[in-house]
Amino acid sequence: MASRRKSRFERPRDPAHVVRSLRACREAMTKVHIETTPFGPTYRLASGVMEAIDAFADHLSGAKGYFHIGAASEAARHDNWMAREKGELPWPW
């Protein structure tokens, strides 16, 4: 008889690994954007994947725009998230 897990966690045990994987996938979709016909079927599907990746990263990090860098103040925030991905800082939850 197989044992059943009594509980599950709301978030992954290793969020840094998950976000690193999301980053790699997002970079691949960015490359698809560059290589395909703008607003064609492949381009639109890649856009949908990127939107899902962004939403998941935002959910894990608790901050909107995880993969986007804007003003200088956001650059410092980005450095903190990169440190979390490397395991140098704890995740906020």
Protein backbone atom coordinates (compact mmCIF):
# COMPACT_ATOMS: atom_id res chain seq x y z
CA MET A 1 0.00 0.00 0.00
CA ALA A 2 1.40 3.36 -1.00
CA SER A 3 1.75 5.95 1.70
CA ARG A 4 -0.03 9.23 1.22
CA ARG A 5 1.49 12.58 1.91
CA LYS A 6 -0.31 14.13 4.89
CA SER A 7 0.25 17.73 3.86
CA ARG A 8 1.61 19.81 1.05
CA PHE A 9 3.31 23.17 1.13
CA GLU A 10 1.87 26.26 -0.53
CA ARG A 11 5.27 27.16 -1.96
CA PRO A 12 8.12 25.04 -3.33
CA ARG A 13 10.80 23.92 -0.91
CA ASP A 14 13.56 25.35 -3.13
CA PRO A 15 12.17 28.55 -4.67
CA ALA A 16 15.61 29.61 -5.91
CA HIS A 17 15.80 26.53 -8.13
CA VAL A 18 12.30 27.15 -9.47
CA VAL A 19 13.02 30.80 -10.27
CA ARG A 20 16.32 29.93 -11.97
CA SER A 21 14.42 27.47 -14.16
CA LEU A 22 11.76 30.09 -14.90
CA ARG A 23 14.50 32.55 -15.88
CA ALA A 24 16.02 30.05 -18.34
CA CYS A 25 12.61 29.36 -19.88
CA ARG A 26 11.82 33.07 -20.13
CA GLU A 27 15.13 33.70 -21.89
CA ALA A 28 14.25 30.96 -24.40
CA MET A 29 10.87 32.59 -25.05
CA THR A 30 12.58 35.96 -25.53
CA LYS A 31 14.75 34.33 -28.19
CA VAL A 32 11.59 32.95 -29.85
CA HIS A 33 10.20 36.50 -29.90
CA ILE A 34 13.31 37.75 -31.67
CA GLU A 35 13.38 34.93 -34.23
CA THR A 36 9.70 34.67 -35.22
CA THR A 37 7.24 36.80 -37.15
CA PRO A 38 5.85 39.51 -34.87
CA PHE A 39 2.32 38.73 -33.71
CA GLY A 40 2.26 35.40 -35.55
CA PRO A 41 1.00 32.24 -33.84
CA THR A 42 4.39 31.21 -32.44
CA TYR A 43 5.10 34.74 -31.24
CA ARG A 44 1.74 34.91 -29.45
CA LEU A 45 2.22 31.51 -27.80
CA ALA A 46 5.67 32.57 -26.57
CA SER A 47 4.06 35.75 -25.18
CA GLY A 48 1.54 33.64 -23.26
CA VAL A 49 4.31 31.49 -21.79
CA MET A 50 6.22 34.63 -20.75
CA GLU A 51 3.11 36.06 -19.08
CA ALA A 52 2.64 32.83 -17.12
CA ILE A 53 6.31 32.78 -16.12
CA ASP A 54 6.10 36.41 -14.95
CA ALA A 55 2.96 35.70 -12.94
CA PHE A 56 4.53 32.66 -11.26
CA ALA A 57 7.75 34.54 -10.43
CA ASP A 58 5.69 37.41 -9.02
CA HIS A 59 3.76 34.91 -6.89
CA LEU A 60 6.92 33.27 -5.57
CA SER A 61 8.74 36.52 -4.86
CA GLY A 62 5.79 38.48 -3.54
CA ALA A 63 6.81 41.40 -5.75
CA LYS A 64 5.44 42.51 -9.10
CA GLY A 65 7.80 42.63 -12.05
CA TYR A 66 10.40 40.13 -10.83
CA PHE A 67 12.14 39.84 -14.21
CA HIS A 68 11.84 43.53 -15.11
CA ILE A 69 14.32 46.25 -14.18
CA GLY A 70 13.28 49.88 -14.39
CA ALA A 71 14.56 52.81 -12.35
CA ALA A 72 17.74 52.80 -10.28
CA SER A 73 15.76 52.03 -7.13
CA GLU A 74 14.48 48.88 -8.80
CA ALA A 75 18.05 47.84 -9.68
CA ALA A 76 18.83 47.41 -5.97
CA ARG A 77 15.68 45.31 -5.56
CA HIS A 78 16.76 43.25 -8.57
CA ASP A 79 20.17 42.63 -6.94
CA ASN A 80 18.38 41.31 -3.84
CA TRP A 81 16.30 38.89 -5.92
CA MET A 82 19.40 37.70 -7.78
CA ALA A 83 21.06 37.04 -4.41
CA ARG A 84 18.00 35.00 -3.41
CA GLU A 85 18.25 32.96 -6.61
CA LYS A 86 21.87 32.17 -5.76
CA GLY A 87 20.92 31.20 -2.20
CA GLU A 88 22.77 34.13 -0.65
CA LEU A 89 19.65 35.67 0.92
CA PRO A 90 16.54 34.00 2.37
CA TRP A 91 13.22 34.22 0.54
CA PRO A 92 10.72 36.69 2.05
CA TRP A 93 8.31 34.00 3.24
